[in-house]
N, C-alpha and C. Protein backbone atom coordinates (compact mmCIF):
# COMPACT_ATOMS: atom_id res chain seq x y z
N MET A 1 142.00 91.79 232.78
CA MET A 1 142.35 92.82 231.83
C MET A 1 141.16 93.04 230.90
N PHE A 2 140.72 94.29 230.78
CA PHE A 2 139.61 94.67 229.90
C PHE A 2 140.19 95.03 228.54
N LEU A 3 139.81 94.28 227.52
CA LEU A 3 140.28 94.52 226.16
C LEU A 3 139.11 94.97 225.30
N ASN A 4 139.33 95.99 224.48
CA ASN A 4 138.23 96.53 223.68
C ASN A 4 138.63 96.78 222.24
N GLY A 5 139.68 96.10 221.78
CA GLY A 5 140.14 96.28 220.40
C GLY A 5 140.73 95.00 219.86
N GLY A 6 141.94 95.10 219.32
CA GLY A 6 142.59 94.00 218.64
C GLY A 6 142.91 92.79 219.50
N GLY A 7 142.90 92.93 220.82
CA GLY A 7 143.16 91.79 221.70
C GLY A 7 141.96 90.90 221.93
N MET A 8 140.78 91.36 221.52
CA MET A 8 139.58 90.54 221.70
C MET A 8 139.61 89.33 220.78
N ARG A 9 138.75 88.37 221.08
CA ARG A 9 138.66 87.16 220.25
C ARG A 9 138.55 87.53 218.78
N GLY A 10 139.37 86.89 217.96
CA GLY A 10 139.36 87.13 216.53
C GLY A 10 140.17 88.33 216.08
N GLY A 11 140.70 89.10 217.03
CA GLY A 11 141.48 90.29 216.69
C GLY A 11 142.94 89.98 216.42
N PRO A 12 143.64 90.91 215.78
CA PRO A 12 145.03 90.67 215.40
C PRO A 12 146.01 90.55 216.58
N LEU A 13 145.64 91.01 217.75
CA LEU A 13 146.52 90.90 218.92
C LEU A 13 146.09 89.79 219.88
N HIS A 14 145.04 89.07 219.55
CA HIS A 14 144.52 88.06 220.48
C HIS A 14 145.57 87.01 220.84
N GLU A 15 146.42 86.66 219.90
CA GLU A 15 147.45 85.65 220.19
C GLU A 15 148.43 86.12 221.27
N GLN A 16 148.53 87.43 221.47
CA GLN A 16 149.42 87.96 222.51
C GLN A 16 148.95 87.58 223.91
N LEU A 17 147.71 87.13 224.05
CA LEU A 17 147.17 86.73 225.36
C LEU A 17 147.68 85.37 225.81
N GLN A 18 148.35 84.64 224.90
CA GLN A 18 148.97 83.37 225.24
C GLN A 18 148.00 82.38 225.88
N GLY A 19 146.75 82.39 225.40
CA GLY A 19 145.76 81.44 225.89
C GLY A 19 145.09 81.82 227.20
N ALA A 20 145.27 83.05 227.66
CA ALA A 20 144.60 83.48 228.90
C ALA A 20 143.09 83.31 228.75
N PRO A 21 142.44 82.83 229.80
CA PRO A 21 141.00 82.55 229.68
C PRO A 21 140.14 83.83 229.69
N LEU A 22 139.10 83.79 228.86
CA LEU A 22 138.09 84.84 228.84
C LEU A 22 137.21 84.68 230.08
N CYS A 23 137.07 85.73 230.84
CA CYS A 23 136.19 85.71 232.03
C CYS A 23 134.76 86.07 231.65
N CYS A 24 134.61 87.14 230.86
CA CYS A 24 133.28 87.58 230.48
C CYS A 24 133.36 88.67 229.43
N VAL A 25 132.24 88.90 228.78
CA VAL A 25 132.06 90.08 227.94
C VAL A 25 131.47 91.13 228.88
N ALA A 26 131.97 92.36 228.79
CA ALA A 26 131.54 93.40 229.74
C ALA A 26 131.46 94.75 229.04
N ARG A 27 130.92 95.71 229.76
CA ARG A 27 130.89 97.10 229.31
C ARG A 27 131.56 97.94 230.37
N SER A 28 132.17 99.01 229.92
CA SER A 28 132.73 99.96 230.87
C SER A 28 131.60 100.79 231.47
N ALA A 29 131.91 101.44 232.57
CA ALA A 29 130.98 102.43 233.12
C ALA A 29 130.82 103.54 232.06
N PRO A 30 129.70 104.26 232.06
CA PRO A 30 129.48 105.30 231.05
C PRO A 30 130.20 106.61 231.39
N LYS A 31 131.54 106.57 231.32
CA LYS A 31 132.33 107.74 231.70
C LYS A 31 133.55 107.94 230.82
N TYR A 32 133.48 107.42 229.58
CA TYR A 32 134.65 107.46 228.70
C TYR A 32 134.33 108.07 227.35
N HIS A 33 135.36 108.67 226.76
CA HIS A 33 135.37 108.97 225.33
C HIS A 33 135.96 107.72 224.69
N TYR A 34 135.53 107.42 223.49
CA TYR A 34 136.04 106.25 222.77
C TYR A 34 136.42 106.72 221.38
N PHE A 35 137.65 106.47 220.99
CA PHE A 35 138.18 106.98 219.73
C PHE A 35 138.69 105.85 218.85
N SER A 36 138.62 106.07 217.55
CA SER A 36 139.38 105.29 216.59
C SER A 36 140.65 106.09 216.34
N VAL A 37 141.79 105.45 216.47
CA VAL A 37 143.07 106.12 216.23
C VAL A 37 143.51 105.73 214.81
N GLY A 38 143.20 106.60 213.87
CA GLY A 38 143.55 106.36 212.48
C GLY A 38 142.96 105.08 211.90
N ASP A 39 141.85 104.63 212.46
CA ASP A 39 141.21 103.37 212.08
C ASP A 39 142.15 102.16 212.23
N ARG A 40 143.18 102.31 213.06
CA ARG A 40 144.12 101.22 213.33
C ARG A 40 143.78 100.48 214.63
N PHE A 41 143.29 101.20 215.62
CA PHE A 41 142.95 100.62 216.92
C PHE A 41 142.08 101.62 217.68
N PRO A 42 141.35 101.13 218.70
CA PRO A 42 140.52 102.03 219.50
C PRO A 42 141.28 102.51 220.74
N ALA A 43 140.76 103.56 221.35
CA ALA A 43 141.35 104.09 222.57
C ALA A 43 140.28 104.70 223.45
N MET A 44 140.31 104.33 224.71
CA MET A 44 139.40 104.91 225.71
C MET A 44 140.11 106.06 226.40
N TYR A 45 139.31 107.06 226.79
CA TYR A 45 139.87 108.20 227.51
C TYR A 45 138.81 108.67 228.51
N GLU A 46 139.17 108.71 229.76
CA GLU A 46 138.20 109.06 230.80
C GLU A 46 137.78 110.53 230.67
N GLY A 47 136.52 110.79 231.03
CA GLY A 47 136.02 112.15 231.02
C GLY A 47 134.84 112.34 230.09
N GLY A 48 134.37 111.27 229.49
CA GLY A 48 133.22 111.36 228.61
C GLY A 48 131.98 110.79 229.27
N SER A 49 131.04 110.34 228.44
CA SER A 49 129.80 109.78 228.97
C SER A 49 129.42 108.50 228.25
N GLY A 50 130.38 107.90 227.55
CA GLY A 50 130.10 106.69 226.80
C GLY A 50 130.54 105.43 227.51
N SER A 51 129.87 104.35 227.15
CA SER A 51 130.19 103.01 227.64
C SER A 51 130.80 102.23 226.49
N VAL A 52 131.81 101.41 226.80
CA VAL A 52 132.56 100.69 225.79
C VAL A 52 132.40 99.18 225.99
N VAL A 53 132.16 98.45 224.91
CA VAL A 53 132.07 97.00 224.94
C VAL A 53 133.47 96.41 224.91
N GLY A 54 133.69 95.38 225.73
CA GLY A 54 134.99 94.71 225.73
C GLY A 54 134.90 93.32 226.30
N GLU A 55 136.05 92.71 226.45
CA GLU A 55 136.16 91.37 227.02
C GLU A 55 137.15 91.43 228.18
N VAL A 56 136.83 90.73 229.25
CA VAL A 56 137.70 90.68 230.43
C VAL A 56 138.40 89.32 230.44
N TYR A 57 139.71 89.36 230.55
CA TYR A 57 140.55 88.16 230.57
C TYR A 57 141.30 88.05 231.89
N ASP A 58 141.51 86.81 232.32
CA ASP A 58 142.34 86.53 233.48
C ASP A 58 143.77 86.42 232.96
N LEU A 59 144.42 87.56 232.85
CA LEU A 59 145.71 87.66 232.18
C LEU A 59 146.84 87.68 233.21
N PRO A 60 147.71 86.68 233.19
CA PRO A 60 148.86 86.71 234.11
C PRO A 60 149.72 87.95 233.86
N LEU A 61 150.26 88.53 234.91
CA LEU A 61 151.07 89.74 234.77
C LEU A 61 152.28 89.52 233.88
N ALA A 62 152.87 88.32 233.90
CA ALA A 62 154.01 88.04 233.03
C ALA A 62 153.60 88.12 231.56
N VAL A 63 152.40 87.67 231.22
CA VAL A 63 151.91 87.76 229.84
C VAL A 63 151.65 89.22 229.48
N LEU A 64 151.10 89.98 230.41
CA LEU A 64 150.89 91.41 230.19
C LEU A 64 152.22 92.09 229.90
N ARG A 65 153.21 91.84 230.73
CA ARG A 65 154.53 92.47 230.61
C ARG A 65 155.27 92.03 229.34
N ASP A 66 155.27 90.73 229.07
CA ASP A 66 156.12 90.19 228.01
C ASP A 66 155.48 90.14 226.63
N HIS A 67 154.16 90.15 226.56
CA HIS A 67 153.50 89.95 225.27
C HIS A 67 152.53 91.07 224.90
N LEU A 68 151.59 91.40 225.78
CA LEU A 68 150.55 92.35 225.39
C LEU A 68 151.07 93.79 225.35
N VAL A 69 151.68 94.26 226.43
CA VAL A 69 152.14 95.65 226.47
C VAL A 69 153.15 95.95 225.36
N PRO A 70 154.13 95.07 225.09
CA PRO A 70 155.05 95.38 223.98
C PRO A 70 154.38 95.45 222.61
N ALA A 71 153.22 94.83 222.45
CA ALA A 71 152.51 94.85 221.17
C ALA A 71 151.61 96.07 221.02
N GLU A 72 151.41 96.83 222.09
CA GLU A 72 150.51 97.98 222.04
C GLU A 72 151.20 99.18 221.37
N PRO A 73 150.44 100.01 220.68
CA PRO A 73 151.01 101.20 220.03
C PRO A 73 151.42 102.25 221.07
N PRO A 74 152.30 103.17 220.68
CA PRO A 74 152.80 104.17 221.64
C PRO A 74 151.74 105.15 222.14
N GLU A 75 150.61 105.25 221.45
CA GLU A 75 149.55 106.17 221.89
C GLU A 75 148.81 105.65 223.13
N LEU A 76 149.00 104.37 223.46
CA LEU A 76 148.28 103.77 224.59
C LEU A 76 149.22 103.51 225.76
N GLU A 77 148.63 103.51 226.95
CA GLU A 77 149.36 103.17 228.17
C GLU A 77 148.46 102.33 229.05
N LEU A 78 149.05 101.67 230.02
CA LEU A 78 148.29 100.85 230.95
C LEU A 78 147.57 101.74 231.94
N GLY A 79 146.31 101.44 232.20
CA GLY A 79 145.52 102.21 233.14
C GLY A 79 144.51 101.31 233.82
N VAL A 80 143.67 101.91 234.62
CA VAL A 80 142.60 101.19 235.31
C VAL A 80 141.29 101.85 234.90
N VAL A 81 140.34 101.03 234.44
CA VAL A 81 139.03 101.54 234.05
C VAL A 81 137.97 100.98 234.98
N GLU A 82 136.83 101.63 234.96
CA GLU A 82 135.69 101.16 235.75
C GLU A 82 134.72 100.45 234.82
N LEU A 83 134.29 99.27 235.24
CA LEU A 83 133.31 98.53 234.47
C LEU A 83 131.90 98.94 234.89
N GLU A 84 130.93 98.55 234.09
CA GLU A 84 129.53 98.91 234.31
C GLU A 84 129.04 98.50 235.70
N ASP A 85 129.56 97.37 236.21
CA ASP A 85 129.14 96.89 237.53
C ASP A 85 129.93 97.52 238.68
N GLY A 86 130.81 98.49 238.37
CA GLY A 86 131.59 99.18 239.39
C GLY A 86 132.95 98.57 239.66
N ALA A 87 133.24 97.41 239.09
CA ALA A 87 134.54 96.76 239.28
C ALA A 87 135.64 97.56 238.58
N ALA A 88 136.84 97.50 239.13
CA ALA A 88 138.01 98.11 238.52
C ALA A 88 138.74 97.04 237.71
N CYS A 89 139.30 97.44 236.58
CA CYS A 89 139.96 96.48 235.70
C CYS A 89 141.11 97.16 234.98
N LEU A 90 142.23 96.47 234.83
CA LEU A 90 143.32 96.98 234.01
C LEU A 90 142.85 97.09 232.57
N ALA A 91 143.38 98.07 231.86
CA ALA A 91 143.07 98.25 230.44
C ALA A 91 144.15 99.13 229.84
N THR A 92 144.25 99.13 228.53
CA THR A 92 145.09 100.13 227.88
C THR A 92 144.19 101.30 227.52
N VAL A 93 144.68 102.49 227.79
CA VAL A 93 143.91 103.72 227.58
C VAL A 93 144.78 104.71 226.81
N LEU A 94 144.14 105.70 226.24
CA LEU A 94 144.84 106.72 225.49
C LEU A 94 145.72 107.55 226.42
N ARG A 95 146.97 107.75 226.04
CA ARG A 95 147.86 108.61 226.82
C ARG A 95 147.33 110.04 226.74
N PRO A 96 147.36 110.77 227.85
CA PRO A 96 146.85 112.15 227.83
C PRO A 96 147.53 113.02 226.78
N SER A 97 148.79 112.79 226.49
CA SER A 97 149.50 113.61 225.51
C SER A 97 148.96 113.43 224.09
N PHE A 98 148.14 112.40 223.85
CA PHE A 98 147.56 112.16 222.53
C PHE A 98 146.08 112.55 222.46
N ALA A 99 145.53 113.06 223.54
CA ALA A 99 144.08 113.33 223.60
C ALA A 99 143.60 114.34 222.57
N ASP A 100 144.46 115.21 222.11
CA ASP A 100 144.06 116.22 221.12
C ASP A 100 144.65 115.95 219.74
N SER A 101 145.07 114.72 219.50
CA SER A 101 145.68 114.38 218.21
C SER A 101 144.68 114.50 217.07
N PRO A 102 145.14 114.96 215.91
CA PRO A 102 144.23 115.10 214.77
C PRO A 102 143.77 113.76 214.18
N GLY A 103 144.45 112.66 214.46
CA GLY A 103 144.09 111.37 213.90
C GLY A 103 143.00 110.63 214.65
N LEU A 104 142.39 111.28 215.63
CA LEU A 104 141.34 110.64 216.43
C LEU A 104 139.97 110.89 215.82
N THR A 105 139.18 109.83 215.72
CA THR A 105 137.78 109.94 215.32
C THR A 105 136.94 109.51 216.51
N ASP A 106 136.04 110.35 216.95
CA ASP A 106 135.20 110.03 218.10
C ASP A 106 134.17 108.97 217.70
N ILE A 107 134.26 107.80 218.33
CA ILE A 107 133.31 106.71 218.07
C ILE A 107 132.55 106.36 219.36
N THR A 108 132.49 107.32 220.27
CA THR A 108 131.81 107.09 221.55
C THR A 108 130.37 106.64 221.36
N SER A 109 129.69 107.20 220.38
CA SER A 109 128.27 106.83 220.17
C SER A 109 128.12 105.38 219.74
N VAL A 110 129.14 104.80 219.13
CA VAL A 110 129.11 103.39 218.74
C VAL A 110 129.49 102.52 219.94
N GLY A 111 130.59 102.87 220.60
CA GLY A 111 130.99 102.17 221.83
C GLY A 111 131.44 100.74 221.65
N ASP A 112 131.71 100.33 220.42
CA ASP A 112 132.05 98.94 220.15
C ASP A 112 132.98 98.93 218.92
N TRP A 113 134.23 98.51 219.11
CA TRP A 113 135.21 98.53 218.04
C TRP A 113 134.77 97.69 216.84
N ARG A 114 134.28 96.49 217.10
CA ARG A 114 133.87 95.63 216.00
C ARG A 114 132.70 96.24 215.21
N ALA A 115 131.75 96.80 215.92
CA ALA A 115 130.61 97.44 215.24
C ALA A 115 131.09 98.64 214.43
N TYR A 116 132.03 99.40 214.97
CA TYR A 116 132.57 100.55 214.23
C TYR A 116 133.25 100.07 212.94
N LEU A 117 134.11 99.05 213.04
CA LEU A 117 134.79 98.54 211.85
C LEU A 117 133.81 98.03 210.82
N ALA A 118 132.76 97.37 211.26
CA ALA A 118 131.75 96.83 210.34
C ALA A 118 130.97 97.95 209.64
N SER A 119 130.88 99.12 210.27
CA SER A 119 130.11 100.23 209.69
C SER A 119 130.90 101.06 208.70
N ARG A 120 132.19 100.86 208.64
CA ARG A 120 133.02 101.69 207.73
C ARG A 120 132.84 101.28 206.29
């Protein structure tokens, strides 16, 4: 599972991973828009040209179902993203119905949730 927001180490949702091991720090392929949703959480949306920093976890599906997905906001849904090395990975992504929401701030040029938060 590719995480790029609150589920990463030190984030407010990290405990939802129930101790799942970190596999690596990775970047997405450069094909996404990256948004701050009201400065509450980030969201990836395919169709851009940005790369996003994240962490890949070996997350059991039961943990995904019972802990991580229920903790995600309604603007996000489960999807599959492409990593920089071409691998496919589960991730939460912005629901298409929210793509034109006024509460989105484009942070694609930053590409890193922690760096964006530090710059505010």
